[in-house]
């Protein structure tokens, strides 16, 4: 089933923060955040074994198991197997994302995109999520930011392993859809040009945001739209820097990024537009985007996200962004619709 047909709501919930990303989040706060998402009407939840070595899945499953399974869509990811053995988290090789989940569980994580590892990863996720099925499975992080020059060999492993497994599970009705969940444009572009693999859509994190969209606009969004493959946009807040945080792409933001944020905020303040509205509505304005999945670890943030998506933003705001070259001139904006 195409992602576009599966996801009817524009707003989902990304659970990376629930894996103790950047900080040690109290259990009560994490569970309250998931409950808040449900109370706000969110029914699409995205997670991954990578998020705190299974911690985000465990927390998500603890809450969602109380609600009717048929009312929600759950996506998780394959490419990493979580073992029972404990490891020194400082020794994990996470490419550019070192230390991202240093406060998560200390279980050993194995990067593996093979046939057997894909099936094991799904089986383990089902247990952690306390569910009998997963709707969407993303092949996770098979890209340069994690594997550097070795990413193409990892991609080939996924092509001959995970891709084929997920194609089969989808055709058998075990899952409803699959695709890649990555932070880079190139793996998606490559997958869309493959013969054989038949993904249903993609989760693109950070690369179609108001702060960073040029490459995706050129090389992913038009082709995805043409093929009917919906894009789920992750990282609309660019790791938090857009909405007052200090991180961009999971690392301290550069002076250039901070300056761009300041320019956008100056215009937003003049029109009484929240930066959350700017970020979410920009990502959704592209017709290839089917949903956005901002993450949070604080219950009150969920209502803010929903209000930001529904807010009326003056057309003049978008026009000024374009006139001041703060967005690509070819990027679709809500004012164009």
C-alpha atoms as a PDB file:
ATOM      1  CA  UNK A   1       0.000   0.000   0.000  1.00  0.00           C
ATOM      2  CA  UNK A   2       1.356   3.414  -0.910  1.00  0.00           C
ATOM      3  CA  UNK A   3       2.328   5.597   2.036  1.00  0.00           C
ATOM      4  CA  UNK A   4       0.147   8.318   0.552  1.00  0.00           C
ATOM      5  CA  UNK A   5      -2.913   6.073   0.915  1.00  0.00           C
ATOM      6  CA  UNK A   6      -1.951   4.740   4.327  1.00  0.00           C
ATOM      7  CA  UNK A   7      -1.399   8.044   6.140  1.00  0.00           C
ATOM      8  CA  UNK A   8      -4.575  10.105   6.114  1.00  0.00           C
ATOM      9  CA  UNK A   9      -3.526  12.640   8.766  1.00  0.00           C
ATOM     10  CA  UNK A  10      -0.808  15.219   8.152  1.00  0.00           C
ATOM     11  CA  UNK A  11       0.635  15.163  11.678  1.00  0.00           C
ATOM     12  CA  UNK A  12       2.362  12.189  13.239  1.00  0.00           C
ATOM     13  CA  UNK A  13       4.670  11.745  16.224  1.00  0.00           C
ATOM     14  CA  UNK A  14       8.384  10.969  15.981  1.00  0.00           C
ATOM     15  CA  UNK A  15       9.692   9.134  19.018  1.00  0.00           C
ATOM     16  CA  UNK A  16      13.466   9.644  18.759  1.00  0.00           C
ATOM     17  CA  UNK A  17      13.478  11.916  21.849  1.00  0.00           C
ATOM     18  CA  UNK A  18      11.868   9.117  23.876  1.00  0.00           C
ATOM     19  CA  UNK A  19      15.080   7.137  23.469  1.00  0.00           C
ATOM     20  CA  UNK A  20      16.754   9.692  25.768  1.00  0.00           C
ATOM     21  CA  UNK A  21      18.185  11.707  22.913  1.00  0.00           C
ATOM     22  CA  UNK A  22      20.511  14.369  24.357  1.00  0.00           C
ATOM     23  CA  UNK A  23      19.183  13.939  27.927  1.00  0.00           C
ATOM     24  CA  UNK A  24      17.942  11.434  30.504  1.00  0.00           C
ATOM     25  CA  UNK A  25      14.164  11.769  30.261  1.00  0.00           C
ATOM     26  CA  UNK A  26      12.155  10.602  33.295  1.00  0.00           C
ATOM     27  CA  UNK A  27       9.923   7.621  32.523  1.00  0.00           C
ATOM     28  CA  UNK A  28       6.793   9.452  33.677  1.00  0.00           C
ATOM     29  CA  UNK A  29       7.506  12.373  31.369  1.00  0.00           C
ATOM     30  CA  UNK A  30       8.110  10.112  28.380  1.00  0.00           C
ATOM     31  CA  UNK A  31       4.909   8.123  28.903  1.00  0.00           C
ATOM     32  CA  UNK A  32       2.895  11.288  29.492  1.00  0.00           C
ATOM     33  CA  UNK A  33       4.152  12.639  26.170  1.00  0.00           C
ATOM     34  CA  UNK A  34       2.841   9.612  24.268  1.00  0.00           C
ATOM     35  CA  UNK A  35      -0.480   9.852  26.099  1.00  0.00           C
ATOM     36  CA  UNK A  36      -0.652  13.532  25.192  1.00  0.00           C
ATOM     37  CA  UNK A  37      -0.085  12.689  21.525  1.00  0.00           C
ATOM     38  CA  UNK A  38      -2.972  10.248  21.611  1.00  0.00           C
ATOM     39  CA  UNK A  39      -5.212  12.722  23.434  1.00  0.00           C
ATOM     40  CA  UNK A  40      -4.434  15.327  20.760  1.00  0.00           C
ATOM     41  CA  UNK A  41      -5.711  12.967  18.088  1.00  0.00           C
ATOM     42  CA  UNK A  42      -2.376  11.792  16.692  1.00  0.00           C
ATOM     43  CA  UNK A  43      -2.633   8.274  15.316  1.00  0.00           C
ATOM     44  CA  UNK A  44       0.639   7.815  13.417  1.00  0.00           C
ATOM     45  CA  UNK A  45       3.668   6.940  15.548  1.00  0.00           C
ATOM     46  CA  UNK A  46       7.189   6.434  14.182  1.00  0.00           C
ATOM     47  CA  UNK A  47       9.939   4.740  16.159  1.00  0.00           C
ATOM     48  CA  UNK A  48      13.115   2.668  15.752  1.00  0.00           C
ATOM     49  CA  UNK A  49      15.301   0.182  17.652  1.00  0.00           C
ATOM     50  CA  UNK A  50      18.141   2.691  17.312  1.00  0.00           C
ATOM     51  CA  UNK A  51      16.364   5.224  19.529  1.00  0.00           C
ATOM     52  CA  UNK A  52      17.970   4.483  22.873  1.00  0.00           C
ATOM     53  CA  UNK A  53      18.715   0.830  21.974  1.00  0.00           C
ATOM     54  CA  UNK A  54      15.027  -0.063  22.110  1.00  0.00           C
ATOM     55  CA  UNK A  55      14.020   2.403  24.817  1.00  0.00           C
ATOM     56  CA  UNK A  56      11.707   4.468  22.600  1.00  0.00           C
ATOM     57  CA  UNK A  57       9.936   1.336  21.356  1.00  0.00           C
ATOM     58  CA  UNK A  58       9.467   0.086  24.917  1.00  0.00           C
ATOM     59  CA  UNK A  59       8.002   3.389  26.063  1.00  0.00           C
ATOM     60  CA  UNK A  60       5.770   3.701  23.024  1.00  0.00           C
ATOM     61  CA  UNK A  61       4.499   0.143  23.404  1.00  0.00           C
ATOM     62  CA  UNK A  62       3.771   0.644  27.092  1.00  0.00           C
ATOM     63  CA  UNK A  63       1.302   3.417  26.273  1.00  0.00           C
ATOM     64  CA  UNK A  64      -0.141   2.369  22.916  1.00  0.00           C
ATOM     65  CA  UNK A  65      -0.957  -1.136  24.158  1.00  0.00           C
ATOM     66  CA  UNK A  66      -3.813   0.473  26.125  1.00  0.00           C
ATOM     67  CA  UNK A  67      -5.498   1.808  22.993  1.00  0.00           C
ATOM     68  CA  UNK A  68      -7.321   0.094  20.097  1.00  0.00           C
ATOM     69  CA  UNK A  69      -4.674  -1.183  17.672  1.00  0.00           C
ATOM     70  CA  UNK A  70      -6.903  -0.674  14.628  1.00  0.00           C
ATOM     71  CA  UNK A  71      -7.036   3.069  15.286  1.00  0.00           C
ATOM     72  CA  UNK A  72      -3.303   3.687  14.849  1.00  0.00           C
ATOM     73  CA  UNK A  73      -0.462   3.370  12.357  1.00  0.00           C
ATOM     74  CA  UNK A  74       2.946   2.307  13.695  1.00  0.00           C
ATOM     75  CA  UNK A  75       6.196   2.451  11.785  1.00  0.00           C
ATOM     76  CA  UNK A  76       9.538   1.195  12.981  1.00  0.00           C
ATOM     77  CA  UNK A  77      12.872   0.460  11.333  1.00  0.00           C
ATOM     78  CA  UNK A  78      15.315  -2.315  10.480  1.00  0.00           C
ATOM     79  CA  UNK A  79      19.076  -2.305  10.040  1.00  0.00           C
ATOM     80  CA  UNK A  80      20.068  -2.616  13.679  1.00  0.00           C
ATOM     81  CA  UNK A  81      19.630  -5.579  15.984  1.00  0.00           C
ATOM     82  CA  UNK A  82      19.532  -4.915  19.731  1.00  0.00           C
ATOM     83  CA  UNK A  83      21.265  -7.601  21.771  1.00  0.00           C
ATOM     84  CA  UNK A  84      20.915  -8.501  25.427  1.00  0.00           C
ATOM     85  CA  UNK A  85      24.614  -7.954  26.075  1.00  0.00           C
ATOM     86  CA  UNK A  86      25.693  -4.615  27.540  1.00  0.00           C
ATOM     87  CA  UNK A  87      28.333  -2.436  25.885  1.00  0.00           C
ATOM     88  CA  UNK A  88      30.194   0.784  26.593  1.00  0.00           C
ATOM     89  CA  UNK A  89      28.017   3.270  24.709  1.00  0.00           C
ATOM     90  CA  UNK A  90      31.003   5.574  24.158  1.00  0.00           C
ATOM     91  CA  UNK A  91      32.489   2.928  21.892  1.00  0.00           C
ATOM     92  CA  UNK A  92      29.527   2.760  19.532  1.00  0.00           C
ATOM     93  CA  UNK A  93      30.357   3.720  15.979  1.00  0.00           C
ATOM     94  CA  UNK A  94      27.511   6.059  15.007  1.00  0.00           C
ATOM     95  CA  UNK A  95      29.250   7.987  12.251  1.00  0.00           C
ATOM     96  CA  UNK A  96      28.359  11.665  12.506  1.00  0.00           C
ATOM     97  CA  UNK A  97      25.833  10.943  15.269  1.00  0.00           C
ATOM     98  CA  UNK A  98      28.215   9.933  18.067  1.00  0.00           C
ATOM     99  CA  UNK A  99      26.780  10.403  21.554  1.00  0.00           C
ATOM    100  CA  UNK A 100      23.259  10.928  20.266  1.00  0.00           C
ATOM    101  CA  UNK A 101      21.712   8.357  22.610  1.00  0.00           C
ATOM    102  CA  UNK A 102      24.340   8.188  25.322  1.00  0.00           C
ATOM    103  CA  UNK A 103      21.554   8.310  27.932  1.00  0.00           C
ATOM    104  CA  UNK A 104      19.617   5.426  26.373  1.00  0.00           C
ATOM    105  CA  UNK A 105      19.884   1.748  27.215  1.00  0.00           C
ATOM    106  CA  UNK A 106      23.374   0.263  27.126  1.00  0.00           C
ATOM    107  CA  UNK A 107      22.465  -2.804  25.089  1.00  0.00           C
ATOM    108  CA  UNK A 108      24.821  -3.719  22.283  1.00  0.00           C
ATOM    109  CA  UNK A 109      23.611  -2.682  18.826  1.00  0.00           C
ATOM    110  CA  UNK A 110      24.642  -4.551  15.682  1.00  0.00           C
ATOM    111  CA  UNK A 111      24.332  -2.927  12.255  1.00  0.00           C
ATOM    112  CA  UNK A 112      22.932  -5.616   9.978  1.00  0.00           C
ATOM    113  CA  UNK A 113      20.712  -5.300   6.876  1.00  0.00           C
ATOM    114  CA  UNK A 114      20.697  -9.003   5.990  1.00  0.00           C
ATOM    115  CA  UNK A 115      17.653 -11.214   5.448  1.00  0.00           C
ATOM    116  CA  UNK A 116      17.874 -12.911   8.848  1.00  0.00           C
ATOM    117  CA  UNK A 117      18.672  -9.726  10.768  1.00  0.00           C
ATOM    118  CA  UNK A 118      15.702  -7.958   9.179  1.00  0.00           C
ATOM    119  CA  UNK A 119      13.323 -10.676  10.326  1.00  0.00           C
ATOM    120  CA  UNK A 120      14.857 -10.723  13.809  1.00  0.00           C
ATOM    121  CA  UNK A 121      14.667  -6.947  14.102  1.00  0.00           C
ATOM    122  CA  UNK A 122      10.963  -6.989  13.249  1.00  0.00           C
ATOM    123  CA  UNK A 123      10.299  -9.812  15.700  1.00  0.00           C
ATOM    124  CA  UNK A 124      12.111  -7.967  18.495  1.00  0.00           C
ATOM    125  CA  UNK A 125      10.301  -4.715  17.729  1.00  0.00           C
ATOM    126  CA  UNK A 126       6.933  -6.466  17.933  1.00  0.00           C
ATOM    127  CA  UNK A 127       7.799  -7.604  21.456  1.00  0.00           C
ATOM    128  CA  UNK A 128       9.028  -4.195  22.601  1.00  0.00           C
ATOM    129  CA  UNK A 129       6.005  -2.470  21.082  1.00  0.00           C
ATOM    130  CA  UNK A 130       3.561  -4.990  22.601  1.00  0.00           C
ATOM    131  CA  UNK A 131       1.763  -5.370  19.311  1.00  0.00           C
ATOM    132  CA  UNK A 132       1.006  -8.137  16.839  1.00  0.00           C
ATOM    133  CA  UNK A 133       1.826  -6.156  13.708  1.00  0.00           C
ATOM    134  CA  UNK A 134       3.804  -3.257  12.295  1.00  0.00           C
ATOM    135  CA  UNK A 135       2.262  -1.190   9.524  1.00  0.00           C
ATOM    136  CA  UNK A 136       5.312   0.459   7.945  1.00  0.00           C
ATOM    137  CA  UNK A 137       8.939  -0.666   8.078  1.00  0.00           C
ATOM    138  CA  UNK A 138      11.732   1.731   7.124  1.00  0.00           C
ATOM    139  CA  UNK A 139      15.252   0.553   6.290  1.00  0.00           C
ATOM    140  CA  UNK A 140      17.198   2.791   8.646  1.00  0.00           C
ATOM    141  CA  UNK A 141      20.231   5.011   8.085  1.00  0.00           C
ATOM    142  CA  UNK A 142      21.742   3.229   5.086  1.00  0.00           C
ATOM    143  CA  UNK A 143      23.540   6.436   4.160  1.00  0.00           C
ATOM    144  CA  UNK A 144      26.719   8.493   4.303  1.00  0.00           C
ATOM    145  CA  UNK A 145      26.119  10.102   7.695  1.00  0.00           C
ATOM    146  CA  UNK A 146      26.480   6.737   9.419  1.00  0.00           C
ATOM    147  CA  UNK A 147      28.751   4.751   7.135  1.00  0.00           C
ATOM    148  CA  UNK A 148      30.879   7.328   5.308  1.00  0.00           C
ATOM    149  CA  UNK A 149      32.631   5.867   2.265  1.00  0.00           C
ATOM    150  CA  UNK A 150      31.221   2.414   3.083  1.00  0.00           C
ATOM    151  CA  UNK A 151      27.604   3.462   2.645  1.00  0.00           C
ATOM    152  CA  UNK A 152      27.219   1.987  -0.821  1.00  0.00           C
ATOM    153  CA  UNK A 153      28.340  -1.433   0.390  1.00  0.00           C
ATOM    154  CA  UNK A 154      25.807  -1.184   3.224  1.00  0.00           C
ATOM    155  CA  UNK A 155      23.184  -0.146   0.696  1.00  0.00           C
ATOM    156  CA  UNK A 156      23.974  -3.213  -1.412  1.00  0.00           C
ATOM    157  CA  UNK A 157      23.610  -5.403   1.672  1.00  0.00           C
ATOM    158  CA  UNK A 158      20.200  -3.850   2.296  1.00  0.00           C
ATOM    159  CA  UNK A 159      19.197  -4.235  -1.352  1.00  0.00           C
ATOM    160  CA  UNK A 160      19.874  -7.963  -1.332  1.00  0.00           C
ATOM    161  CA  UNK A 161      18.651  -8.468   2.224  1.00  0.00           C
ATOM    162  CA  UNK A 162      16.149  -6.095   3.818  1.00  0.00           C
ATOM    163  CA  UNK A 163      14.610  -4.811   0.573  1.00  0.00           C
ATOM    164  CA  UNK A 164      13.695  -8.298  -0.610  1.00  0.00           C
ATOM    165  CA  UNK A 165      12.420  -9.381   2.782  1.00  0.00           C
ATOM    166  CA  UNK A 166      10.196  -6.323   3.080  1.00  0.00           C
ATOM    167  CA  UNK A 167       8.917  -6.647  -0.476  1.00  0.00           C
ATOM    168  CA  UNK A 168       7.847 -10.190   0.425  1.00  0.00           C
ATOM    169  CA  UNK A 169       6.288  -9.283   3.772  1.00  0.00           C
ATOM    170  CA  UNK A 170       4.333  -6.475   2.128  1.00  0.00           C
ATOM    171  CA  UNK A 171       3.101  -8.739  -0.679  1.00  0.00           C
ATOM    172  CA  UNK A 172       2.061 -11.342   1.917  1.00  0.00           C
ATOM    173  CA  UNK A 173       0.138  -8.720   3.901  1.00  0.00           C
ATOM    174  CA  UNK A 174       2.346  -9.035   6.988  1.00  0.00           C
ATOM    175  CA  UNK A 175       3.241  -5.335   6.728  1.00  0.00           C
ATOM    176  CA  UNK A 176       1.408  -2.673   4.769  1.00  0.00           C
ATOM    177  CA  UNK A 177       4.327  -0.679   3.379  1.00  0.00           C
ATOM    178  CA  UNK A 178       8.089  -0.202   3.431  1.00  0.00           C
ATOM    179  CA  UNK A 179      10.762   2.243   2.322  1.00  0.00           C
ATOM    180  CA  UNK A 180      13.927   3.932   3.534  1.00  0.00           C
ATOM    181  CA  UNK A 181      14.227   6.058   6.659  1.00  0.00           C
ATOM    182  CA  UNK A 182      17.318   8.205   6.113  1.00  0.00           C
ATOM    183  CA  UNK A 183      18.876  11.627   6.667  1.00  0.00           C
ATOM    184  CA  UNK A 184      20.355  11.877   3.181  1.00  0.00           C
ATOM    185  CA  UNK A 185      18.922  12.349  -0.300  1.00  0.00           C
ATOM    186  CA  UNK A 186      21.181   9.992  -2.267  1.00  0.00           C
ATOM    187  CA  UNK A 187      19.925   6.626  -0.913  1.00  0.00           C
ATOM    188  CA  UNK A 188      16.338   7.561  -1.761  1.00  0.00           C
ATOM    189  CA  UNK A 189      17.323   8.733  -5.219  1.00  0.00           C
ATOM    190  CA  UNK A 190      19.203   5.494  -5.802  1.00  0.00           C
ATOM    191  CA  UNK A 191      16.329   3.328  -4.552  1.00  0.00           C
ATOM    192  CA  UNK A 192      13.785   5.033  -6.785  1.00  0.00           C
ATOM    193  CA  UNK A 193      15.945   4.170  -9.800  1.00  0.00           C
ATOM    194  CA  UNK A 194      16.372   0.494  -8.908  1.00  0.00           C
ATOM    195  CA  UNK A 195      14.704  -2.255 -10.853  1.00  0.00           C
ATOM    196  CA  UNK A 196      13.199  -4.937  -8.653  1.00  0.00           C
ATOM    197  CA  UNK A 197      12.722  -3.158  -5.329  1.00  0.00           C
ATOM    198  CA  UNK A 198       9.255  -1.694  -4.936  1.00  0.00           C
ATOM    199  CA  UNK A 199       9.151   0.683  -1.938  1.00  0.00           C
ATOM    200  CA  UNK A 200       5.928   2.455  -1.015  1.00  0.00           C
ATOM    201  CA  UNK A 201       7.422   5.730   0.176  1.00  0.00           C
ATOM    202  CA  UNK A 202      10.221   7.217   2.235  1.00  0.00           C
ATOM    203  CA  UNK A 203      10.968   8.901   5.535  1.00  0.00           C
ATOM    204  CA  UNK A 204      13.374  11.756   4.833  1.00  0.00           C
ATOM    205  CA  UNK A 205      14.657  13.372   8.022  1.00  0.00           C
ATOM    206  CA  UNK A 206      16.009  16.906   7.988  1.00  0.00           C
ATOM    207  CA  UNK A 207      16.498  17.222   4.241  1.00  0.00           C
ATOM    208  CA  UNK A 208      13.141  18.766   3.449  1.00  0.00           C
ATOM    209  CA  UNK A 209      12.988  21.435   6.108  1.00  0.00           C
ATOM    210  CA  UNK A 210      12.736  25.195   5.849  1.00  0.00           C
ATOM    211  CA  UNK A 211      16.457  25.393   6.696  1.00  0.00           C
ATOM    212  CA  UNK A 212      17.692  22.659   4.351  1.00  0.00           C
ATOM    213  CA  UNK A 213      15.744  21.606   1.252  1.00  0.00           C
ATOM    214  CA  UNK A 214      17.674  22.495  -1.920  1.00  0.00           C
ATOM    215  CA  UNK A 215      18.994  19.018  -2.716  1.00  0.00           C
ATOM    216  CA  UNK A 216      15.771  17.167  -1.948  1.00  0.00           C
ATOM    217  CA  UNK A 217      13.793  19.697  -3.946  1.00  0.00           C
ATOM    218  CA  UNK A 218      15.906  18.943  -6.976  1.00  0.00           C
ATOM    219  CA  UNK A 219      16.588  15.221  -6.689  1.00  0.00           C
ATOM    220  CA  UNK A 220      13.880  13.544  -4.610  1.00  0.00           C
ATOM    221  CA  UNK A 221      10.582  15.373  -4.346  1.00  0.00           C
ATOM    222  CA  UNK A 222       9.711  15.592  -8.082  1.00  0.00           C
ATOM    223  CA  UNK A 223      10.553  11.949  -8.755  1.00  0.00           C
ATOM    224  CA  UNK A 224       8.711  10.739  -5.652  1.00  0.00           C
ATOM    225  CA  UNK A 225       5.620  12.674  -6.699  1.00  0.00           C
ATOM    226  CA  UNK A 226       5.816  11.322 -10.242  1.00  0.00           C
ATOM    227  CA  UNK A 227       6.054   7.746  -8.947  1.00  0.00           C
ATOM    228  CA  UNK A 228       3.307   8.239  -6.368  1.00  0.00           C
ATOM    229  CA  UNK A 229       5.716   7.619  -3.506  1.00  0.00           C
ATOM    230  CA  UNK A 230       4.856   9.784  -0.537  1.00  0.00           C
ATOM    231  CA  UNK A 231       7.501  11.429   1.625  1.00  0.00           C
ATOM    232  CA  UNK A 232       7.187  11.534   5.410  1.00  0.00           C
ATOM    233  CA  UNK A 233       9.165  14.588   6.510  1.00  0.00           C
ATOM    234  CA  UNK A 234      11.107  14.131   9.706  1.00  0.00           C
ATOM    235  CA  UNK A 235      13.166  16.806  11.403  1.00  0.00           C
ATOM    236  CA  UNK A 236      11.036  19.773  10.405  1.00  0.00           C
ATOM    237  CA  UNK A 237      12.568  21.675  13.328  1.00  0.00           C
ATOM    238  CA  UNK A 238      16.106  20.737  12.243  1.00  0.00           C
ATOM    239  CA  UNK A 239      17.071  19.038  15.524  1.00  0.00           C
ATOM    240  CA  UNK A 240      15.542  21.948  17.440  1.00  0.00           C
ATOM    241  CA  UNK A 241      17.508  24.949  16.190  1.00  0.00           C
ATOM    242  CA  UNK A 242      14.490  26.327  14.327  1.00  0.00           C
ATOM    243  CA  UNK A 243      12.470  26.547  17.535  1.00  0.00           C
ATOM    244  CA  UNK A 244      15.035  27.905  19.948  1.00  0.00           C
ATOM    245  CA  UNK A 245      17.346  24.923  20.411  1.00  0.00           C
ATOM    246  CA  UNK A 246      21.076  24.819  19.881  1.00  0.00           C
ATOM    247  CA  UNK A 247      21.383  21.723  17.657  1.00  0.00           C
ATOM    248  CA  UNK A 248      21.221  21.393  13.885  1.00  0.00           C
ATOM    249  CA  UNK A 249      21.548  17.943  12.299  1.00  0.00           C
ATOM    250  CA  UNK A 250      22.098  16.498  15.800  1.00  0.00           C
ATOM    251  CA  UNK A 251      25.183  18.676  16.418  1.00  0.00           C
ATOM    252  CA  UNK A 252      25.804  22.231  17.670  1.00  0.00           C
ATOM    253  CA  UNK A 253      24.468  24.643  15.057  1.00  0.00           C
ATOM    254  CA  UNK A 254      26.912  26.669  12.984  1.00  0.00           C
ATOM    255  CA  UNK A 255      26.968  30.473  12.940  1.00  0.00           C
ATOM    256  CA  UNK A 256      25.555  30.374   9.406  1.00  0.00           C
ATOM    257  CA  UNK A 257      22.549  28.307  10.458  1.00  0.00           C
ATOM    258  CA  UNK A 258      21.926  30.454  13.526  1.00  0.00           C
ATOM    259  CA  UNK A 259      21.997  33.572  11.342  1.00  0.00           C
ATOM    260  CA  UNK A 260      19.459  32.073   8.951  1.00  0.00           C
ATOM    261  CA  UNK A 261      17.174  31.130  11.826  1.00  0.00           C
ATOM    262  CA  UNK A 262      17.420  34.682  13.171  1.00  0.00           C
ATOM    263  CA  UNK A 263      16.423  36.148   9.800  1.00  0.00           C
ATOM    264  CA  UNK A 264      13.412  33.859   9.510  1.00  0.00           C
ATOM    265  CA  UNK A 265      12.385  34.613  13.077  1.00  0.00           C
ATOM    266  CA  UNK A 266      12.590  38.354  12.517  1.00  0.00           C
ATOM    267  CA  UNK A 267      10.072  38.060   9.700  1.00  0.00           C
ATOM    268  CA  UNK A 268       7.954  35.568  11.635  1.00  0.00           C
ATOM    269  CA  UNK A 269       7.741  37.862  14.644  1.00  0.00           C
ATOM    270  CA  UNK A 270       6.518  40.753  12.510  1.00  0.00           C
ATOM    271  CA  UNK A 271       3.630  38.621  11.273  1.00  0.00           C
ATOM    272  CA  UNK A 272       3.034  36.881  14.639  1.00  0.00           C
ATOM    273  CA  UNK A 273       3.894  33.520  13.098  1.00  0.00           C
ATOM    274  CA  UNK A 274       5.368  30.815  15.304  1.00  0.00           C
ATOM    275  CA  UNK A 275       8.543  29.156  14.099  1.00  0.00           C
ATOM    276  CA  UNK A 276       6.825  25.807  14.525  1.00  0.00           C
ATOM    277  CA  UNK A 277       4.140  26.895  12.062  1.00  0.00           C
ATOM    278  CA  UNK A 278       6.812  28.009   9.616  1.00  0.00           C
ATOM    279  CA  UNK A 279       8.659  24.703   9.853  1.00  0.00           C
ATOM    280  CA  UNK A 280       5.715  22.315   9.705  1.00  0.00           C
ATOM    281  CA  UNK A 281       3.745  24.154   7.057  1.00  0.00           C
ATOM    282  CA  UNK A 282       6.781  24.605   4.816  1.00  0.00           C
ATOM    283  CA  UNK A 283       7.526  20.870   4.794  1.00  0.00           C
ATOM    284  CA  UNK A 284       3.904  19.988   4.067  1.00  0.00           C
ATOM    285  CA  UNK A 285       3.523  22.512   1.250  1.00  0.00           C
ATOM    286  CA  UNK A 286       5.382  20.248  -1.151  1.00  0.00           C
ATOM    287  CA  UNK A 287       2.847  17.945  -2.830  1.00  0.00           C
ATOM    288  CA  UNK A 288       5.201  14.976  -2.397  1.00  0.00           C
ATOM    289  CA  UNK A 289       5.004  15.285   1.414  1.00  0.00           C
ATOM    290  CA  UNK A 290       2.242  13.252   3.022  1.00  0.00           C
ATOM    291  CA  UNK A 291       2.986  13.831   6.721  1.00  0.00           C
ATOM    292  CA  UNK A 292       5.328  15.506   9.183  1.00  0.00           C
ATOM    293  CA  UNK A 293       6.464  13.793  12.377  1.00  0.00           C
ATOM    294  CA  UNK A 294       7.931  16.256  14.873  1.00  0.00           C
ATOM    295  CA  UNK A 295       9.363  14.642  17.980  1.00  0.00           C
ATOM    296  CA  UNK A 296       9.059  15.729  21.575  1.00  0.00           C
ATOM    297  CA  UNK A 297       9.714  14.521  25.085  1.00  0.00           C
ATOM    298  CA  UNK A 298       7.425  17.021  26.813  1.00  0.00           C
ATOM    299  CA  UNK A 299       3.634  16.500  26.889  1.00  0.00           C
ATOM    300  CA  UNK A 300       2.773  20.168  26.367  1.00  0.00           C
ATOM    301  CA  UNK A 301       4.711  20.313  23.101  1.00  0.00           C
ATOM    302  CA  UNK A 302       2.214  18.059  21.311  1.00  0.00           C
ATOM    303  CA  UNK A 303      -0.612  20.607  21.551  1.00  0.00           C
ATOM    304  CA  UNK A 304       1.818  23.267  20.315  1.00  0.00           C
ATOM    305  CA  UNK A 305       2.632  21.176  17.247  1.00  0.00           C
ATOM    306  CA  UNK A 306      -1.022  20.620  16.431  1.00  0.00           C
ATOM    307  CA  UNK A 307      -1.856  24.318  16.839  1.00  0.00           C
ATOM    308  CA  UNK A 308       1.158  25.287  14.731  1.00  0.00           C
ATOM    309  CA  UNK A 309       0.049  23.081  11.883  1.00  0.00           C
ATOM    310  CA  UNK A 310      -3.486  24.459  11.971  1.00  0.00           C
ATOM    311  CA  UNK A 311      -2.519  28.132  12.364  1.00  0.00           C
ATOM    312  CA  UNK A 312      -3.382  30.618   9.639  1.00  0.00           C
ATOM    313  CA  UNK A 313      -0.139  32.096   8.337  1.00  0.00           C
ATOM    314  CA  UNK A 314      -0.350  35.375   6.369  1.00  0.00           C
ATOM    315  CA  UNK A 315       0.640  34.990   2.730  1.00  0.00           C
ATOM    316  CA  UNK A 316       2.942  37.983   3.140  1.00  0.00           C
ATOM    317  CA  UNK A 317       5.140  35.967   5.491  1.00  0.00           C
ATOM    318  CA  UNK A 318       5.826  33.347   2.856  1.00  0.00           C
ATOM    319  CA  UNK A 319       6.323  35.986   0.190  1.00  0.00           C
ATOM    320  CA  UNK A 320       8.951  37.736   2.292  1.00  0.00           C
ATOM    321  CA  UNK A 321      10.829  34.511   2.849  1.00  0.00           C
ATOM    322  CA  UNK A 322      10.979  33.983  -0.886  1.00  0.00           C
ATOM    323  CA  UNK A 323      11.870  37.599  -1.673  1.00  0.00           C
ATOM    324  CA  UNK A 324      14.690  37.514   0.887  1.00  0.00           C
ATOM    325  CA  UNK A 325      16.072  34.253  -0.555  1.00  0.00           C
ATOM    326  CA  UNK A 326      15.490  32.419   2.725  1.00  0.00           C
ATOM    327  CA  UNK A 327      13.840  29.560   0.831  1.00  0.00           C
ATOM    328  CA  UNK A 328      14.596  28.147  -2.586  1.00  0.00           C
ATOM    329  CA  UNK A 329      12.590  30.103  -5.168  1.00  0.00           C
ATOM    330  CA  UNK A 330      11.310  26.826  -6.628  1.00  0.00           C
ATOM    331  CA  UNK A 331      10.106  25.467  -3.281  1.00  0.00           C
ATOM    332  CA  UNK A 332       6.300  25.180  -3.085  1.00  0.00           C
ATOM    333  CA  UNK A 333       4.871  27.366  -0.331  1.00  0.00           C
ATOM    334  CA  UNK A 334       1.414  27.361   1.282  1.00  0.00           C
ATOM    335  CA  UNK A 335       0.747  30.696  -0.433  1.00  0.00           C
ATOM    336  CA  UNK A 336       1.048  28.928  -3.803  1.00  0.00           C
ATOM    337  CA  UNK A 337      -1.798  26.540  -3.097  1.00  0.00           C
END
